[in-house]
Amino acid sequence: MAENHSSRRSTLPKEAARRRYVEVGELVVLEQIKHDSERLDDHAIAIGPFARLDAGAVAARDGKTRGVISNLFGSQARFQAETMALALDAGELVAEIQYVDPADFPDAESWLDAFLAEESARGPQHETQPEIGLGTLWALWLAVVPYGLWSEEVARPSMDEYAQLIGQVERALAGAMDRFGLQPAEGATVNDLACALTSLVEGQWLNQCLTATHPTDPEQPIATVLRRGGRMLWRGATRPAR
């Protein structure tokens, strides 16, 4: 006798059943990201929001038709992949960063406060209009970060760019320490402080995508979190030079 494959009615309460299928849906989404990540490492494909990029809409911005994109790139898929590759490579923008000059400040903490305020302003800002810049491209990069769990095509250039940024911050900190007669505290290095501050900056940029004010004190701007946190890191990682 053939086995009866007809589905049976769930015995779970409705809300429990809804929760179960939502959780299964979450797993399927993660599996799809992993699958797309593996495809990306095999050959160039667009992922995340880039996969929805409409060549026709882009051409229309320039008063042209979709055909101009096809002529230049061969296909919409190739155009999407090349747009993604350029958007995720902000190395030139990172290299152009100019930090505040320690010589313009009377003491280390006033320089650090200005340095961190500038870092906050450089990042994404909640509810601002889309534009090409380091902060908005950084936010766009966030849309593909989950693919970096399984894709070296996302992970490798992202970490190269992060190391580039740490190096620039390290040089800025070393210059400030020299200007103000400081050195790393025992057990710390300038690189340690650069890594910690860069992690703090990018972590705070996550919040800046979502709010323009302090997460627990709406009377304060979001930059306050970064400035106060950075000050604590600085005080713990530096001491007067001998």
C-alpha atoms as a PDB file:
ATOM      1  CA  MET A   1       0.000   0.000   0.000  1.00  0.00           C
ATOM      2  CA  ALA A   2       1.351   3.420  -0.927  1.00  0.00           C
ATOM      3  CA  GLU A   3       2.310   5.595   2.022  1.00  0.00           C
ATOM      4  CA  ASN A   4      -0.050   8.477   2.655  1.00  0.00           C
ATOM      5  CA  HIS A   5       1.944  11.679   2.156  1.00  0.00           C
ATOM      6  CA  SER A   6      -0.945  14.043   2.778  1.00  0.00           C
ATOM      7  CA  SER A   7      -0.062  16.803   5.217  1.00  0.00           C
ATOM      8  CA  ARG A   8      -1.505  16.638   8.682  1.00  0.00           C
ATOM      9  CA  ARG A   9      -3.031  19.624  10.416  1.00  0.00           C
ATOM     10  CA  SER A  10      -0.619  21.224  12.893  1.00  0.00           C
ATOM     11  CA  THR A  11      -1.450  20.685  16.541  1.00  0.00           C
ATOM     12  CA  LEU A  12       0.462  23.810  17.576  1.00  0.00           C
ATOM     13  CA  PRO A  13      -1.481  26.882  18.698  1.00  0.00           C
ATOM     14  CA  LYS A  14      -1.626  29.505  15.963  1.00  0.00           C
ATOM     15  CA  GLU A  15       0.918  31.883  17.528  1.00  0.00           C
ATOM     16  CA  ALA A  16       3.338  29.028  18.210  1.00  0.00           C
ATOM     17  CA  ALA A  17       2.957  27.823  14.640  1.00  0.00           C
ATOM     18  CA  ARG A  18       3.591  31.347  13.320  1.00  0.00           C
ATOM     19  CA  ARG A  19       6.719  31.576  15.465  1.00  0.00           C
ATOM     20  CA  ARG A  20       7.955  28.186  14.251  1.00  0.00           C
ATOM     21  CA  TYR A  21       7.650  29.121  10.587  1.00  0.00           C
ATOM     22  CA  VAL A  22       9.261  32.509  11.110  1.00  0.00           C
ATOM     23  CA  GLU A  23      12.252  30.780  12.754  1.00  0.00           C
ATOM     24  CA  VAL A  24      12.450  28.291   9.874  1.00  0.00           C
ATOM     25  CA  GLY A  25      12.271  31.266   7.516  1.00  0.00           C
ATOM     26  CA  GLU A  26      15.237  32.887   9.273  1.00  0.00           C
ATOM     27  CA  LEU A  27      17.280  29.733   8.759  1.00  0.00           C
ATOM     28  CA  VAL A  28      16.331  29.568   5.076  1.00  0.00           C
ATOM     29  CA  VAL A  29      17.417  33.203   4.623  1.00  0.00           C
ATOM     30  CA  LEU A  30      20.807  32.432   6.202  1.00  0.00           C
ATOM     31  CA  GLU A  31      21.190  29.364   4.007  1.00  0.00           C
ATOM     32  CA  GLN A  32      20.413  31.505   0.946  1.00  0.00           C
ATOM     33  CA  ILE A  33      23.057  34.045   1.967  1.00  0.00           C
ATOM     34  CA  LYS A  34      25.581  31.213   2.358  1.00  0.00           C
ATOM     35  CA  HIS A  35      24.621  29.815  -1.050  1.00  0.00           C
ATOM     36  CA  ASP A  36      24.927  33.237  -2.716  1.00  0.00           C
ATOM     37  CA  SER A  37      28.271  33.801  -0.957  1.00  0.00           C
ATOM     38  CA  GLU A  38      29.650  30.586  -2.422  1.00  0.00           C
ATOM     39  CA  ARG A  39      28.413  31.594  -5.874  1.00  0.00           C
ATOM     40  CA  LEU A  40      30.064  34.993  -5.459  1.00  0.00           C
ATOM     41  CA  ASP A  41      33.433  33.376  -4.752  1.00  0.00           C
ATOM     42  CA  ASP A  42      33.013  31.241  -7.870  1.00  0.00           C
ATOM     43  CA  HIS A  43      32.261  34.157 -10.215  1.00  0.00           C
ATOM     44  CA  ALA A  44      31.236  37.804  -9.961  1.00  0.00           C
ATOM     45  CA  ILE A  45      27.565  38.230  -9.083  1.00  0.00           C
ATOM     46  CA  ALA A  46      25.650  41.034  -7.407  1.00  0.00           C
ATOM     47  CA  ILE A  47      24.299  40.390  -3.916  1.00  0.00           C
ATOM     48  CA  GLY A  48      22.078  42.233  -1.460  1.00  0.00           C
ATOM     49  CA  PRO A  49      20.653  45.547  -2.732  1.00  0.00           C
ATOM     50  CA  PHE A  50      22.970  45.488  -5.753  1.00  0.00           C
ATOM     51  CA  ALA A  51      21.043  42.507  -7.131  1.00  0.00           C
ATOM     52  CA  ARG A  52      17.976  44.787  -7.395  1.00  0.00           C
ATOM     53  CA  LEU A  53      19.820  47.565  -9.228  1.00  0.00           C
ATOM     54  CA  ASP A  54      17.796  48.427 -12.336  1.00  0.00           C
ATOM     55  CA  ALA A  55      19.985  49.350 -15.317  1.00  0.00           C
ATOM     56  CA  GLY A  56      17.059  51.088 -16.982  1.00  0.00           C
ATOM     57  CA  ALA A  57      16.482  53.360 -13.997  1.00  0.00           C
ATOM     58  CA  VAL A  58      20.190  54.196 -13.839  1.00  0.00           C
ATOM     59  CA  ALA A  59      20.364  55.061 -17.541  1.00  0.00           C
ATOM     60  CA  ALA A  60      17.245  57.227 -17.211  1.00  0.00           C
ATOM     61  CA  ARG A  61      19.068  59.389 -14.636  1.00  0.00           C
ATOM     62  CA  ASP A  62      21.423  60.328 -17.465  1.00  0.00           C
ATOM     63  CA  GLY A  63      18.648  60.802 -20.032  1.00  0.00           C
ATOM     64  CA  LYS A  64      19.546  57.516 -21.741  1.00  0.00           C
ATOM     65  CA  THR A  65      17.869  54.139 -22.246  1.00  0.00           C
ATOM     66  CA  ARG A  66      18.783  50.758 -20.808  1.00  0.00           C
ATOM     67  CA  GLY A  67      20.618  49.956 -24.058  1.00  0.00           C
ATOM     68  CA  VAL A  68      23.546  52.207 -23.157  1.00  0.00           C
ATOM     69  CA  ILE A  69      24.202  50.042 -20.057  1.00  0.00           C
ATOM     70  CA  SER A  70      24.029  46.877 -22.166  1.00  0.00           C
ATOM     71  CA  ASN A  71      26.458  48.333 -24.694  1.00  0.00           C
ATOM     72  CA  LEU A  72      28.961  49.322 -22.038  1.00  0.00           C
ATOM     73  CA  PHE A  73      28.736  46.326 -19.711  1.00  0.00           C
ATOM     74  CA  GLY A  74      27.254  43.550 -21.835  1.00  0.00           C
ATOM     75  CA  SER A  75      24.433  42.804 -19.408  1.00  0.00           C
ATOM     76  CA  GLN A  76      22.586  44.163 -16.412  1.00  0.00           C
ATOM     77  CA  ALA A  77      24.137  41.428 -14.252  1.00  0.00           C
ATOM     78  CA  ARG A  78      27.643  42.580 -15.134  1.00  0.00           C
ATOM     79  CA  PHE A  79      26.709  46.198 -14.483  1.00  0.00           C
ATOM     80  CA  GLN A  80      25.327  45.224 -11.067  1.00  0.00           C
ATOM     81  CA  ALA A  81      28.483  43.285 -10.170  1.00  0.00           C
ATOM     82  CA  GLU A  82      30.823  46.105 -11.207  1.00  0.00           C
ATOM     83  CA  THR A  83      28.750  48.688  -9.327  1.00  0.00           C
ATOM     84  CA  MET A  84      28.957  46.527  -6.210  1.00  0.00           C
ATOM     85  CA  ALA A  85      32.719  46.055  -6.585  1.00  0.00           C
ATOM     86  CA  LEU A  86      33.309  49.810  -6.836  1.00  0.00           C
ATOM     87  CA  ALA A  87      30.968  50.656  -3.952  1.00  0.00           C
ATOM     88  CA  LEU A  88      32.701  48.148  -1.663  1.00  0.00           C
ATOM     89  CA  ASP A  89      36.169  49.502  -2.430  1.00  0.00           C
ATOM     90  CA  ALA A  90      36.483  52.747  -0.492  1.00  0.00           C
ATOM     91  CA  GLY A  91      40.273  52.561  -0.216  1.00  0.00           C
ATOM     92  CA  GLU A  92      40.755  55.821  -2.112  1.00  0.00           C
ATOM     93  CA  LEU A  93      38.321  57.640   0.172  1.00  0.00           C
ATOM     94  CA  VAL A  94      40.092  56.247   3.234  1.00  0.00           C
ATOM     95  CA  ALA A  95      43.462  57.372   1.874  1.00  0.00           C
ATOM     96  CA  GLU A  96      42.134  60.922   1.449  1.00  0.00           C
ATOM     97  CA  ILE A  97      41.168  61.316   5.119  1.00  0.00           C
ATOM     98  CA  GLN A  98      42.829  64.330   6.735  1.00  0.00           C
ATOM     99  CA  TYR A  99      42.899  64.223  10.530  1.00  0.00           C
ATOM    100  CA  VAL A 100      42.930  67.287  12.768  1.00  0.00           C
ATOM    101  CA  ASP A 101      46.448  68.573  13.404  1.00  0.00           C
ATOM    102  CA  PRO A 102      47.687  68.169  17.030  1.00  0.00           C
ATOM    103  CA  ALA A 103      49.690  71.387  16.595  1.00  0.00           C
ATOM    104  CA  ASP A 104      46.417  73.325  16.567  1.00  0.00           C
ATOM    105  CA  PHE A 105      45.465  72.252  20.105  1.00  0.00           C
ATOM    106  CA  PRO A 106      46.811  73.188  23.551  1.00  0.00           C
ATOM    107  CA  ASP A 107      46.501  69.719  25.091  1.00  0.00           C
ATOM    108  CA  ALA A 108      45.926  66.096  24.223  1.00  0.00           C
ATOM    109  CA  GLU A 109      42.307  65.839  25.312  1.00  0.00           C
ATOM    110  CA  SER A 110      41.165  68.870  23.318  1.00  0.00           C
ATOM    111  CA  TRP A 111      42.837  67.336  20.252  1.00  0.00           C
ATOM    112  CA  LEU A 112      41.233  63.948  20.965  1.00  0.00           C
ATOM    113  CA  ASP A 113      37.809  65.528  21.403  1.00  0.00           C
ATOM    114  CA  ALA A 114      38.101  67.233  18.003  1.00  0.00           C
ATOM    115  CA  PHE A 115      39.497  64.050  16.438  1.00  0.00           C
ATOM    116  CA  LEU A 116      36.539  61.981  17.648  1.00  0.00           C
ATOM    117  CA  ALA A 117      33.952  64.633  16.757  1.00  0.00           C
ATOM    118  CA  GLU A 118      35.354  64.627  13.228  1.00  0.00           C
ATOM    119  CA  GLU A 119      35.233  60.820  13.097  1.00  0.00           C
ATOM    120  CA  SER A 120      31.569  60.928  14.070  1.00  0.00           C
ATOM    121  CA  ALA A 121      30.832  63.508  11.372  1.00  0.00           C
ATOM    122  CA  ARG A 122      32.682  61.422   8.781  1.00  0.00           C
ATOM    123  CA  GLY A 123      30.410  58.414   9.334  1.00  0.00           C
ATOM    124  CA  PRO A 124      26.806  57.721   8.314  1.00  0.00           C
ATOM    125  CA  GLN A 125      24.160  60.123   9.604  1.00  0.00           C
ATOM    126  CA  HIS A 126      20.606  59.038  10.375  1.00  0.00           C
ATOM    127  CA  GLU A 127      17.954  60.349   7.933  1.00  0.00           C
ATOM    128  CA  THR A 128      20.379  62.184   5.646  1.00  0.00           C
ATOM    129  CA  GLN A 129      19.872  62.137   1.893  1.00  0.00           C
ATOM    130  CA  PRO A 130      21.743  59.513  -0.170  1.00  0.00           C
ATOM    131  CA  GLU A 131      25.040  60.745  -1.600  1.00  0.00           C
ATOM    132  CA  ILE A 132      28.421  59.369  -2.574  1.00  0.00           C
ATOM    133  CA  GLY A 133      30.730  59.678   0.421  1.00  0.00           C
ATOM    134  CA  LEU A 134      32.627  57.590   2.945  1.00  0.00           C
ATOM    135  CA  GLY A 135      29.768  57.458   5.462  1.00  0.00           C
ATOM    136  CA  THR A 136      27.059  56.455   3.009  1.00  0.00           C
ATOM    137  CA  LEU A 137      29.261  53.932   1.204  1.00  0.00           C
ATOM    138  CA  TRP A 138      30.151  52.471   4.608  1.00  0.00           C
ATOM    139  CA  ALA A 139      26.433  52.085   5.315  1.00  0.00           C
ATOM    140  CA  LEU A 140      25.958  50.458   1.906  1.00  0.00           C
ATOM    141  CA  TRP A 141      28.781  48.052   2.754  1.00  0.00           C
ATOM    142  CA  LEU A 142      26.756  46.984   5.805  1.00  0.00           C
ATOM    143  CA  ALA A 143      24.154  45.515   3.442  1.00  0.00           C
ATOM    144  CA  VAL A 144      26.618  42.870   2.273  1.00  0.00           C
ATOM    145  CA  VAL A 145      28.529  42.225   5.517  1.00  0.00           C
ATOM    146  CA  PRO A 146      26.582  38.985   6.259  1.00  0.00           C
ATOM    147  CA  TYR A 147      27.933  37.526   3.016  1.00  0.00           C
ATOM    148  CA  GLY A 148      31.418  37.972   4.450  1.00  0.00           C
ATOM    149  CA  LEU A 149      30.651  35.097   6.819  1.00  0.00           C
ATOM    150  CA  TRP A 150      31.138  32.752   3.862  1.00  0.00           C
ATOM    151  CA  SER A 151      32.627  34.827   1.023  1.00  0.00           C
ATOM    152  CA  GLU A 152      36.275  35.788   0.764  1.00  0.00           C
ATOM    153  CA  GLU A 153      35.309  38.180  -2.033  1.00  0.00           C
ATOM    154  CA  VAL A 154      33.553  40.272   0.615  1.00  0.00           C
ATOM    155  CA  ALA A 155      35.786  39.513   3.607  1.00  0.00           C
ATOM    156  CA  ARG A 156      39.236  40.015   2.073  1.00  0.00           C
ATOM    157  CA  PRO A 157      38.891  43.549   0.641  1.00  0.00           C
ATOM    158  CA  SER A 158      36.878  44.623   3.675  1.00  0.00           C
ATOM    159  CA  MET A 159      39.640  43.582   6.061  1.00  0.00           C
ATOM    160  CA  ASP A 160      42.346  45.078   3.828  1.00  0.00           C
ATOM    161  CA  GLU A 161      40.516  48.405   3.939  1.00  0.00           C
ATOM    162  CA  TYR A 162      40.051  48.115   7.717  1.00  0.00           C
ATOM    163  CA  ALA A 163      43.781  47.483   8.201  1.00  0.00           C
ATOM    164  CA  GLN A 164      44.503  50.518   6.003  1.00  0.00           C
ATOM    165  CA  LEU A 165      42.285  52.660   8.232  1.00  0.00           C
ATOM    166  CA  ILE A 166      43.921  51.353  11.422  1.00  0.00           C
ATOM    167  CA  GLY A 167      47.326  52.241  10.007  1.00  0.00           C
ATOM    168  CA  GLN A 168      46.235  55.811   9.346  1.00  0.00           C
ATOM    169  CA  VAL A 169      44.721  56.172  12.817  1.00  0.00           C
ATOM    170  CA  GLU A 170      47.885  54.706  14.339  1.00  0.00           C
ATOM    171  CA  ARG A 171      50.018  57.336  12.627  1.00  0.00           C
ATOM    172  CA  ALA A 172      47.675  60.107  13.785  1.00  0.00           C
ATOM    173  CA  LEU A 173      47.823  58.864  17.383  1.00  0.00           C
ATOM    174  CA  ALA A 174      51.609  58.543  17.315  1.00  0.00           C
ATOM    175  CA  GLY A 175      51.889  62.138  16.102  1.00  0.00           C
ATOM    176  CA  ALA A 176      49.570  63.362  18.849  1.00  0.00           C
ATOM    177  CA  MET A 177      51.473  61.459  21.552  1.00  0.00           C
ATOM    178  CA  ASP A 178      54.737  62.956  20.367  1.00  0.00           C
ATOM    179  CA  ARG A 179      53.214  66.456  20.310  1.00  0.00           C
ATOM    180  CA  PHE A 180      51.864  66.196  23.862  1.00  0.00           C
ATOM    181  CA  GLY A 181      54.719  64.266  25.469  1.00  0.00           C
ATOM    182  CA  LEU A 182      52.902  60.978  25.955  1.00  0.00           C
ATOM    183  CA  GLN A 183      53.673  57.311  25.425  1.00  0.00           C
ATOM    184  CA  PRO A 184      51.652  54.087  25.556  1.00  0.00           C
ATOM    185  CA  ALA A 185      50.810  52.834  29.029  1.00  0.00           C
ATOM    186  CA  GLU A 186      52.473  49.655  30.263  1.00  0.00           C
ATOM    187  CA  GLY A 187      51.243  46.646  28.295  1.00  0.00           C
ATOM    188  CA  ALA A 188      49.753  48.792  25.521  1.00  0.00           C
ATOM    189  CA  THR A 189      50.973  49.906  22.111  1.00  0.00           C
ATOM    190  CA  VAL A 190      49.925  52.665  19.745  1.00  0.00           C
ATOM    191  CA  ASN A 191      48.561  49.929  17.476  1.00  0.00           C
ATOM    192  CA  ASP A 192      46.425  48.581  20.340  1.00  0.00           C
ATOM    193  CA  LEU A 193      44.908  52.018  20.875  1.00  0.00           C
ATOM    194  CA  ALA A 194      44.373  52.505  17.134  1.00  0.00           C
ATOM    195  CA  CYS A 195      42.559  49.158  16.913  1.00  0.00           C
ATOM    196  CA  ALA A 196      40.408  49.979  19.939  1.00  0.00           C
ATOM    197  CA  LEU A 197      39.499  53.474  18.749  1.00  0.00           C
ATOM    198  CA  THR A 198      38.761  52.301  15.211  1.00  0.00           C
ATOM    199  CA  SER A 199      36.505  49.568  16.574  1.00  0.00           C
ATOM    200  CA  LEU A 200      34.748  52.137  18.761  1.00  0.00           C
ATOM    201  CA  VAL A 201      34.286  54.500  15.801  1.00  0.00           C
ATOM    202  CA  GLU A 202      32.831  51.867  13.498  1.00  0.00           C
ATOM    203  CA  GLY A 203      30.660  50.451  16.277  1.00  0.00           C
ATOM    204  CA  GLN A 204      29.280  53.918  16.911  1.00  0.00           C
ATOM    205  CA  TRP A 205      28.710  54.393  13.190  1.00  0.00           C
ATOM    206  CA  LEU A 206      26.269  51.481  13.423  1.00  0.00           C
ATOM    207  CA  ASN A 207      24.213  53.494  15.903  1.00  0.00           C
ATOM    208  CA  GLN A 208      24.533  56.613  13.750  1.00  0.00           C
ATOM    209  CA  CYS A 209      22.689  54.756  11.008  1.00  0.00           C
ATOM    210  CA  LEU A 210      19.727  54.484  13.378  1.00  0.00           C
ATOM    211  CA  THR A 211      19.704  57.637  15.488  1.00  0.00           C
ATOM    212  CA  ALA A 212      21.067  61.169  15.629  1.00  0.00           C
ATOM    213  CA  THR A 213      20.912  61.328  19.436  1.00  0.00           C
ATOM    214  CA  HIS A 214      22.529  59.528  22.369  1.00  0.00           C
ATOM    215  CA  PRO A 215      20.761  56.133  22.747  1.00  0.00           C
ATOM    216  CA  THR A 216      19.962  56.734  26.439  1.00  0.00           C
ATOM    217  CA  ASP A 217      20.086  60.539  26.654  1.00  0.00           C
ATOM    218  CA  PRO A 218      18.088  62.232  23.864  1.00  0.00           C
ATOM    219  CA  GLU A 219      19.374  65.625  24.993  1.00  0.00           C
ATOM    220  CA  GLN A 220      22.859  64.697  23.774  1.00  0.00           C
ATOM    221  CA  PRO A 221      23.958  64.185  20.147  1.00  0.00           C
ATOM    222  CA  ILE A 222      25.119  60.744  19.085  1.00  0.00           C
ATOM    223  CA  ALA A 223      28.722  62.003  18.820  1.00  0.00           C
ATOM    224  CA  THR A 224      28.815  62.315  22.613  1.00  0.00           C
ATOM    225  CA  VAL A 225      29.010  58.529  22.952  1.00  0.00           C
ATOM    226  CA  LEU A 226      32.089  58.353  20.763  1.00  0.00           C
ATOM    227  CA  ARG A 227      33.820  61.301  22.384  1.00  0.00           C
ATOM    228  CA  ARG A 228      33.312  60.027  25.924  1.00  0.00           C
ATOM    229  CA  GLY A 229      34.199  56.440  25.094  1.00  0.00           C
ATOM    230  CA  GLY A 230      37.301  57.476  23.185  1.00  0.00           C
ATOM    231  CA  ARG A 231      38.431  59.656  26.067  1.00  0.00           C
ATOM    232  CA  MET A 232      38.292  56.670  28.436  1.00  0.00           C
ATOM    233  CA  LEU A 233      40.311  54.539  26.032  1.00  0.00           C
ATOM    234  CA  TRP A 234      42.903  57.301  25.630  1.00  0.00           C
ATOM    235  CA  ARG A 235      43.300  57.839  29.373  1.00  0.00           C
ATOM    236  CA  GLY A 236      43.779  54.135  29.999  1.00  0.00           C
ATOM    237  CA  ALA A 237      46.246  53.612  27.145  1.00  0.00           C
ATOM    238  CA  THR A 238      48.579  56.613  27.521  1.00  0.00           C
ATOM    239  CA  ARG A 239      50.906  58.067  30.147  1.00  0.00           C
ATOM    240  CA  PRO A 240      53.497  60.868  30.303  1.00  0.00           C
ATOM    241  CA  ALA A 241      56.680  60.055  28.440  1.00  0.00           C
ATOM    242  CA  ARG A 242      59.742  59.526  30.588  1.00  0.00           C
END
